[in-house]
Amino acid sequence: MSEFEQNVLKLLEDINSKLDKLLKTEPAATASPVPSTSAAPFPAATTVKPSAVVDKQEEEARLEEKPPVEGRRICPECGGTSFATHEDKSQVLHQMGGVKIYAKKYVCRKCGYEK
């Protein structure tokens, strides 16, 4: 890890510790011109650390990107699990120097269903 990265990491840890201190201590009185009869928009008891929110959002994004692997391919027509792969000439993925790269399609070896 470079020196710059170490400095940034140290600063982030300092910010995190200061945030912990702020969240643990509740202010006794606020110096705001708003009358005391109005309720605070966010009660202190339900305050969540921003880093925890970011961690939760990253976890949700990671789960959305790749669904968990459930097993082998199964043909919806016959239930077979044996497939042959062929190039799908209708879908060109990439072309460089006259060479085309095509998408793959899976054909069931039992019934011929194309996936």
N, C-alpha and C. Protein backbone atom coordinates (compact mmCIF):
# COMPACT_ATOMS: atom_id res chain seq x y z
N MET A 1 0.85 -1.17 0.00
CA MET A 1 0.00 0.00 0.00
C MET A 1 0.90 1.23 0.00
N SER A 2 0.59 2.19 -0.87
CA SER A 2 1.43 3.38 -0.98
C SER A 2 1.22 4.30 0.23
N GLU A 3 2.10 5.25 0.35
CA GLU A 3 2.02 6.19 1.47
C GLU A 3 0.75 7.02 1.39
N PHE A 4 0.38 7.42 0.18
CA PHE A 4 -0.84 8.19 -0.01
C PHE A 4 -2.06 7.41 0.45
N GLU A 5 -2.13 6.13 0.07
CA GLU A 5 -3.25 5.29 0.47
C GLU A 5 -3.30 5.12 1.98
N GLN A 6 -2.15 4.99 2.60
CA GLN A 6 -2.10 4.87 4.06
C GLN A 6 -2.60 6.14 4.73
N ASN A 7 -2.23 7.31 4.18
CA ASN A 7 -2.70 8.58 4.75
C ASN A 7 -4.21 8.71 4.60
N VAL A 8 -4.73 8.34 3.45
CA VAL A 8 -6.17 8.42 3.24
C VAL A 8 -6.90 7.48 4.18
N LEU A 9 -6.38 6.27 4.34
CA LEU A 9 -6.99 5.30 5.24
C LEU A 9 -6.99 5.82 6.67
N LYS A 10 -5.89 6.44 7.10
CA LYS A 10 -5.81 6.99 8.45
C LYS A 10 -6.83 8.10 8.64
N LEU A 11 -6.96 8.98 7.64
CA LEU A 11 -7.94 10.05 7.73
C LEU A 11 -9.36 9.51 7.81
N LEU A 12 -9.66 8.48 7.03
CA LEU A 12 -10.99 7.88 7.07
C LEU A 12 -11.26 7.23 8.43
N GLU A 13 -10.27 6.59 9.01
CA GLU A 13 -10.44 6.00 10.33
C GLU A 13 -10.68 7.08 11.38
N ASP A 14 -9.98 8.21 11.27
CA ASP A 14 -10.20 9.33 12.19
C ASP A 14 -11.62 9.86 12.07
N ILE A 15 -12.07 10.03 10.83
CA ILE A 15 -13.44 10.52 10.61
C ILE A 15 -14.45 9.54 11.19
N ASN A 16 -14.22 8.26 10.98
CA ASN A 16 -15.12 7.23 11.49
C ASN A 16 -15.18 7.26 13.01
N SER A 17 -14.03 7.42 13.67
CA SER A 17 -14.03 7.45 15.14
C SER A 17 -14.73 8.71 15.66
N LYS A 18 -14.55 9.84 14.97
CA LYS A 18 -15.24 11.07 15.39
C LYS A 18 -16.74 10.93 15.19
N LEU A 19 -17.14 10.28 14.12
CA LEU A 19 -18.55 10.05 13.87
C LEU A 19 -19.15 9.16 14.96
N ASP A 20 -18.41 8.13 15.37
CA ASP A 20 -18.86 7.27 16.47
C ASP A 20 -19.08 8.08 17.74
N LYS A 21 -18.14 8.97 18.05
CA LYS A 21 -18.28 9.80 19.25
C LYS A 21 -19.51 10.68 19.16
N LEU A 22 -19.75 11.26 17.98
CA LEU A 22 -20.91 12.13 17.82
C LEU A 22 -22.22 11.36 17.94
N LEU A 23 -22.25 10.15 17.43
CA LEU A 23 -23.46 9.36 17.50
C LEU A 23 -23.74 8.85 18.91
N LYS A 24 -22.71 8.62 19.69
CA LYS A 24 -22.88 8.12 21.06
C LYS A 24 -23.37 9.21 22.00
N THR A 25 -22.89 10.43 21.81
CA THR A 25 -23.29 11.52 22.70
C THR A 25 -24.43 12.29 22.07
N GLU A 26 -25.50 12.49 22.83
CA GLU A 26 -26.64 13.27 22.35
C GLU A 26 -26.48 14.69 22.83
N PRO A 27 -26.71 15.67 21.98
CA PRO A 27 -26.59 17.05 22.42
C PRO A 27 -27.68 17.39 23.44
N ALA A 28 -27.31 18.13 24.50
CA ALA A 28 -28.24 18.48 25.56
C ALA A 28 -29.27 19.49 25.06
N ALA A 29 -28.82 20.48 24.34
CA ALA A 29 -29.74 21.49 23.82
C ALA A 29 -29.22 21.96 22.47
N THR A 30 -30.13 22.28 21.58
CA THR A 30 -29.72 22.79 20.29
C THR A 30 -29.97 24.28 20.25
N ALA A 31 -29.08 25.00 19.64
CA ALA A 31 -29.22 26.45 19.54
C ALA A 31 -29.83 26.80 18.20
N SER A 32 -31.13 26.52 18.07
CA SER A 32 -31.81 26.82 16.81
C SER A 32 -32.98 27.74 17.07
N PRO A 33 -33.34 28.59 16.11
CA PRO A 33 -34.44 29.51 16.30
C PRO A 33 -35.81 28.83 16.22
N VAL A 34 -35.86 27.53 15.94
CA VAL A 34 -37.11 26.80 15.82
C VAL A 34 -37.69 26.60 17.21
N PRO A 35 -38.98 26.80 17.41
CA PRO A 35 -39.57 26.59 18.73
C PRO A 35 -39.40 25.15 19.19
N SER A 36 -39.37 24.96 20.50
CA SER A 36 -39.10 23.63 21.05
C SER A 36 -40.29 22.70 20.91
N THR A 37 -41.45 23.19 20.49
CA THR A 37 -42.61 22.33 20.33
C THR A 37 -42.53 21.46 19.09
N SER A 38 -41.71 21.88 18.11
CA SER A 38 -41.61 21.07 16.89
C SER A 38 -40.69 19.89 17.14
N ALA A 39 -41.04 18.79 16.53
CA ALA A 39 -40.24 17.57 16.69
C ALA A 39 -39.07 17.61 15.71
N ALA A 40 -37.98 16.97 16.10
CA ALA A 40 -36.81 16.88 15.23
C ALA A 40 -37.14 15.96 14.05
N PRO A 41 -36.63 16.26 12.85
CA PRO A 41 -36.96 15.43 11.69
C PRO A 41 -36.42 14.01 11.81
N PHE A 42 -35.28 13.85 12.47
CA PHE A 42 -34.68 12.53 12.63
C PHE A 42 -34.34 12.33 14.10
N PRO A 43 -35.04 11.48 14.79
CA PRO A 43 -34.72 11.25 16.20
C PRO A 43 -33.35 10.62 16.37
N ALA A 44 -32.68 10.94 17.46
CA ALA A 44 -31.32 10.46 17.68
C ALA A 44 -31.28 8.95 17.89
N ALA A 45 -32.37 8.36 18.36
CA ALA A 45 -32.39 6.92 18.64
C ALA A 45 -32.34 6.09 17.35
N THR A 46 -32.81 6.64 16.25
CA THR A 46 -32.83 5.88 15.00
C THR A 46 -31.70 6.27 14.07
N THR A 47 -30.70 6.98 14.54
CA THR A 47 -29.58 7.40 13.71
C THR A 47 -28.73 6.19 13.33
N VAL A 48 -28.45 6.07 12.05
CA VAL A 48 -27.64 4.97 11.53
C VAL A 48 -26.35 5.55 10.98
N LYS A 49 -25.27 4.86 11.23
CA LYS A 49 -23.97 5.31 10.73
C LYS A 49 -23.97 5.29 9.21
N PRO A 50 -23.48 6.36 8.57
CA PRO A 50 -23.45 6.38 7.11
C PRO A 50 -22.64 5.24 6.50
N SER A 51 -21.57 4.84 7.16
CA SER A 51 -20.76 3.76 6.60
C SER A 51 -21.54 2.44 6.57
N ALA A 52 -22.44 2.25 7.55
CA ALA A 52 -23.26 1.04 7.56
C ALA A 52 -24.27 1.08 6.42
N VAL A 53 -24.79 2.26 6.13
CA VAL A 53 -25.74 2.40 5.02
C VAL A 53 -25.04 2.12 3.70
N VAL A 54 -23.82 2.65 3.54
CA VAL A 54 -23.05 2.42 2.31
C VAL A 54 -22.73 0.94 2.16
N ASP A 55 -22.35 0.27 3.25
CA ASP A 55 -22.06 -1.16 3.19
C ASP A 55 -23.30 -1.94 2.75
N LYS A 56 -24.45 -1.57 3.28
CA LYS A 56 -25.69 -2.26 2.93
C LYS A 56 -26.02 -2.04 1.45
N GLN A 57 -25.83 -0.80 0.96
CA GLN A 57 -26.10 -0.52 -0.45
C GLN A 57 -25.15 -1.29 -1.36
N GLU A 58 -23.88 -1.39 -0.98
CA GLU A 58 -22.93 -2.15 -1.80
C GLU A 58 -23.29 -3.62 -1.84
N GLU A 59 -23.73 -4.17 -0.72
CA GLU A 59 -24.12 -5.58 -0.66
C GLU A 59 -25.32 -5.83 -1.56
N GLU A 60 -26.32 -4.93 -1.51
CA GLU A 60 -27.51 -5.08 -2.36
C GLU A 60 -27.14 -4.98 -3.84
N ALA A 61 -26.24 -4.06 -4.18
CA ALA A 61 -25.81 -3.91 -5.57
C ALA A 61 -25.08 -5.16 -6.05
N ARG A 62 -24.25 -5.74 -5.18
CA ARG A 62 -23.50 -6.93 -5.56
C ARG A 62 -24.45 -8.11 -5.79
N LEU A 63 -25.50 -8.21 -4.98
CA LEU A 63 -26.46 -9.30 -5.16
C LEU A 63 -27.30 -9.10 -6.43
N GLU A 64 -27.58 -7.83 -6.79
CA GLU A 64 -28.33 -7.57 -8.00
C GLU A 64 -27.51 -7.86 -9.25
N GLU A 65 -26.20 -7.62 -9.21
CA GLU A 65 -25.35 -7.83 -10.38
C GLU A 65 -25.30 -9.30 -10.77
N LYS A 66 -25.05 -10.16 -9.80
CA LYS A 66 -24.91 -11.58 -10.09
C LYS A 66 -25.88 -12.36 -9.21
N PRO A 67 -26.91 -12.93 -9.79
CA PRO A 67 -27.78 -13.77 -8.98
C PRO A 67 -27.04 -15.04 -8.58
N PRO A 68 -27.39 -15.61 -7.46
CA PRO A 68 -26.69 -16.82 -7.03
C PRO A 68 -26.87 -17.95 -8.04
N VAL A 69 -25.84 -18.75 -8.21
CA VAL A 69 -25.87 -19.87 -9.15
C VAL A 69 -26.77 -20.94 -8.57
N GLU A 70 -27.75 -21.36 -9.37
CA GLU A 70 -28.70 -22.34 -8.88
C GLU A 70 -28.44 -23.74 -9.40
N GLY A 71 -27.58 -23.88 -10.37
CA GLY A 71 -27.30 -25.22 -10.88
C GLY A 71 -27.12 -25.23 -12.38
N ARG A 72 -27.38 -26.36 -12.98
CA ARG A 72 -27.19 -26.53 -14.41
C ARG A 72 -28.35 -25.96 -15.20
N ARG A 73 -28.11 -25.78 -16.50
CA ARG A 73 -29.18 -25.37 -17.41
C ARG A 73 -30.19 -26.50 -17.53
N ILE A 74 -31.45 -26.14 -17.55
CA ILE A 74 -32.51 -27.14 -17.70
C ILE A 74 -33.42 -26.69 -18.83
N CYS A 75 -33.71 -27.58 -19.72
CA CYS A 75 -34.59 -27.29 -20.85
C CYS A 75 -36.02 -27.12 -20.34
N PRO A 76 -36.69 -26.01 -20.69
CA PRO A 76 -38.06 -25.82 -20.22
C PRO A 76 -39.07 -26.73 -20.92
N GLU A 77 -38.70 -27.30 -22.06
CA GLU A 77 -39.62 -28.16 -22.80
C GLU A 77 -39.60 -29.60 -22.29
N CYS A 78 -38.39 -30.19 -22.23
CA CYS A 78 -38.31 -31.62 -21.90
C CYS A 78 -37.63 -31.89 -20.55
N GLY A 79 -36.99 -30.88 -19.95
CA GLY A 79 -36.32 -31.09 -18.67
C GLY A 79 -34.91 -31.64 -18.82
N GLY A 80 -34.39 -31.72 -20.04
CA GLY A 80 -33.05 -32.24 -20.26
C GLY A 80 -31.98 -31.27 -19.81
N THR A 81 -30.78 -31.79 -19.54
CA THR A 81 -29.68 -30.95 -19.08
C THR A 81 -28.48 -30.98 -20.01
N SER A 82 -28.64 -31.61 -21.17
CA SER A 82 -27.55 -31.72 -22.13
C SER A 82 -27.80 -30.74 -23.27
N PHE A 83 -26.87 -29.81 -23.46
CA PHE A 83 -27.03 -28.77 -24.48
C PHE A 83 -25.81 -28.73 -25.38
N ALA A 84 -26.05 -28.40 -26.65
CA ALA A 84 -24.98 -28.14 -27.61
C ALA A 84 -24.90 -26.63 -27.80
N THR A 85 -23.68 -26.10 -27.94
CA THR A 85 -23.53 -24.66 -28.16
C THR A 85 -23.25 -24.39 -29.63
N HIS A 86 -23.94 -23.39 -30.15
CA HIS A 86 -23.77 -22.96 -31.53
C HIS A 86 -23.62 -21.46 -31.56
N GLU A 87 -23.01 -20.94 -32.63
CA GLU A 87 -22.92 -19.49 -32.78
C GLU A 87 -24.26 -18.96 -33.26
N ASP A 88 -24.72 -17.88 -32.62
CA ASP A 88 -25.96 -17.23 -33.02
C ASP A 88 -25.62 -16.14 -34.02
N LYS A 89 -25.76 -16.43 -35.31
CA LYS A 89 -25.35 -15.51 -36.37
C LYS A 89 -26.21 -14.23 -36.39
N SER A 90 -27.33 -14.23 -35.70
CA SER A 90 -28.19 -13.04 -35.68
C SER A 90 -27.69 -11.99 -34.69
N GLN A 91 -26.78 -12.37 -33.79
CA GLN A 91 -26.26 -11.43 -32.79
C GLN A 91 -24.74 -11.33 -32.90
N VAL A 92 -24.25 -10.22 -33.47
CA VAL A 92 -22.82 -9.97 -33.56
C VAL A 92 -22.41 -9.21 -32.30
N LEU A 93 -21.52 -9.79 -31.51
CA LEU A 93 -21.07 -9.14 -30.29
C LEU A 93 -19.96 -8.14 -30.55
N HIS A 94 -19.04 -8.50 -31.46
CA HIS A 94 -17.87 -7.67 -31.69
C HIS A 94 -17.32 -7.98 -33.08
N GLN A 95 -16.75 -6.95 -33.72
CA GLN A 95 -16.13 -7.16 -35.02
C GLN A 95 -14.82 -6.38 -35.04
N MET A 96 -13.72 -7.08 -35.37
CA MET A 96 -12.42 -6.42 -35.44
C MET A 96 -11.65 -7.00 -36.60
N GLY A 97 -11.23 -6.16 -37.52
CA GLY A 97 -10.43 -6.60 -38.65
C GLY A 97 -11.14 -7.60 -39.54
N GLY A 98 -12.43 -7.48 -39.66
CA GLY A 98 -13.18 -8.39 -40.51
C GLY A 98 -13.59 -9.68 -39.84
N VAL A 99 -13.14 -9.92 -38.63
CA VAL A 99 -13.50 -11.13 -37.89
C VAL A 99 -14.66 -10.79 -36.95
N LYS A 100 -15.74 -11.52 -37.09
CA LYS A 100 -16.92 -11.27 -36.25
C LYS A 100 -16.97 -12.27 -35.11
N ILE A 101 -17.33 -11.77 -33.95
CA ILE A 101 -17.54 -12.62 -32.77
C ILE A 101 -19.04 -12.67 -32.54
N TYR A 102 -19.61 -13.87 -32.54
CA TYR A 102 -21.05 -14.03 -32.40
C TYR A 102 -21.41 -14.49 -30.99
N ALA A 103 -22.67 -14.23 -30.62
CA ALA A 103 -23.20 -14.72 -29.35
C ALA A 103 -23.39 -16.23 -29.45
N LYS A 104 -23.49 -16.89 -28.29
CA LYS A 104 -23.73 -18.33 -28.27
C LYS A 104 -25.21 -18.58 -28.04
N LYS A 105 -25.69 -19.68 -28.61
CA LYS A 105 -27.03 -20.14 -28.28
C LYS A 105 -26.92 -21.61 -27.90
N TYR A 106 -27.77 -22.00 -27.00
CA TYR A 106 -27.74 -23.36 -26.48
C TYR A 106 -28.94 -24.12 -27.03
N VAL A 107 -28.66 -25.31 -27.59
CA VAL A 107 -29.70 -26.13 -28.19
C VAL A 107 -29.77 -27.44 -27.42
N CYS A 108 -30.98 -27.77 -26.96
CA CYS A 108 -31.18 -29.00 -26.20
C CYS A 108 -30.93 -30.19 -27.12
N ARG A 109 -30.18 -31.14 -26.63
CA ARG A 109 -29.85 -32.31 -27.46
C ARG A 109 -31.00 -33.31 -27.53
N LYS A 110 -31.96 -33.22 -26.60
CA LYS A 110 -33.10 -34.15 -26.63
C LYS A 110 -34.19 -33.67 -27.58
N CYS A 111 -34.64 -32.42 -27.37
CA CYS A 111 -35.82 -31.96 -28.12
C CYS A 111 -35.50 -30.87 -29.15
N GLY A 112 -34.31 -30.28 -29.11
CA GLY A 112 -33.93 -29.25 -30.07
C GLY A 112 -34.36 -27.85 -29.69
N TYR A 113 -34.84 -27.65 -28.48
CA TYR A 113 -35.26 -26.32 -28.02
C TYR A 113 -34.04 -25.40 -27.94
N GLU A 114 -34.16 -24.19 -28.51
CA GLU A 114 -33.06 -23.22 -28.49
C GLU A 114 -33.25 -22.23 -27.35
N LYS A 115 -32.19 -22.04 -26.59
CA LYS A 115 -32.23 -21.14 -25.44
C LYS A 115 -31.36 -19.96 -25.70
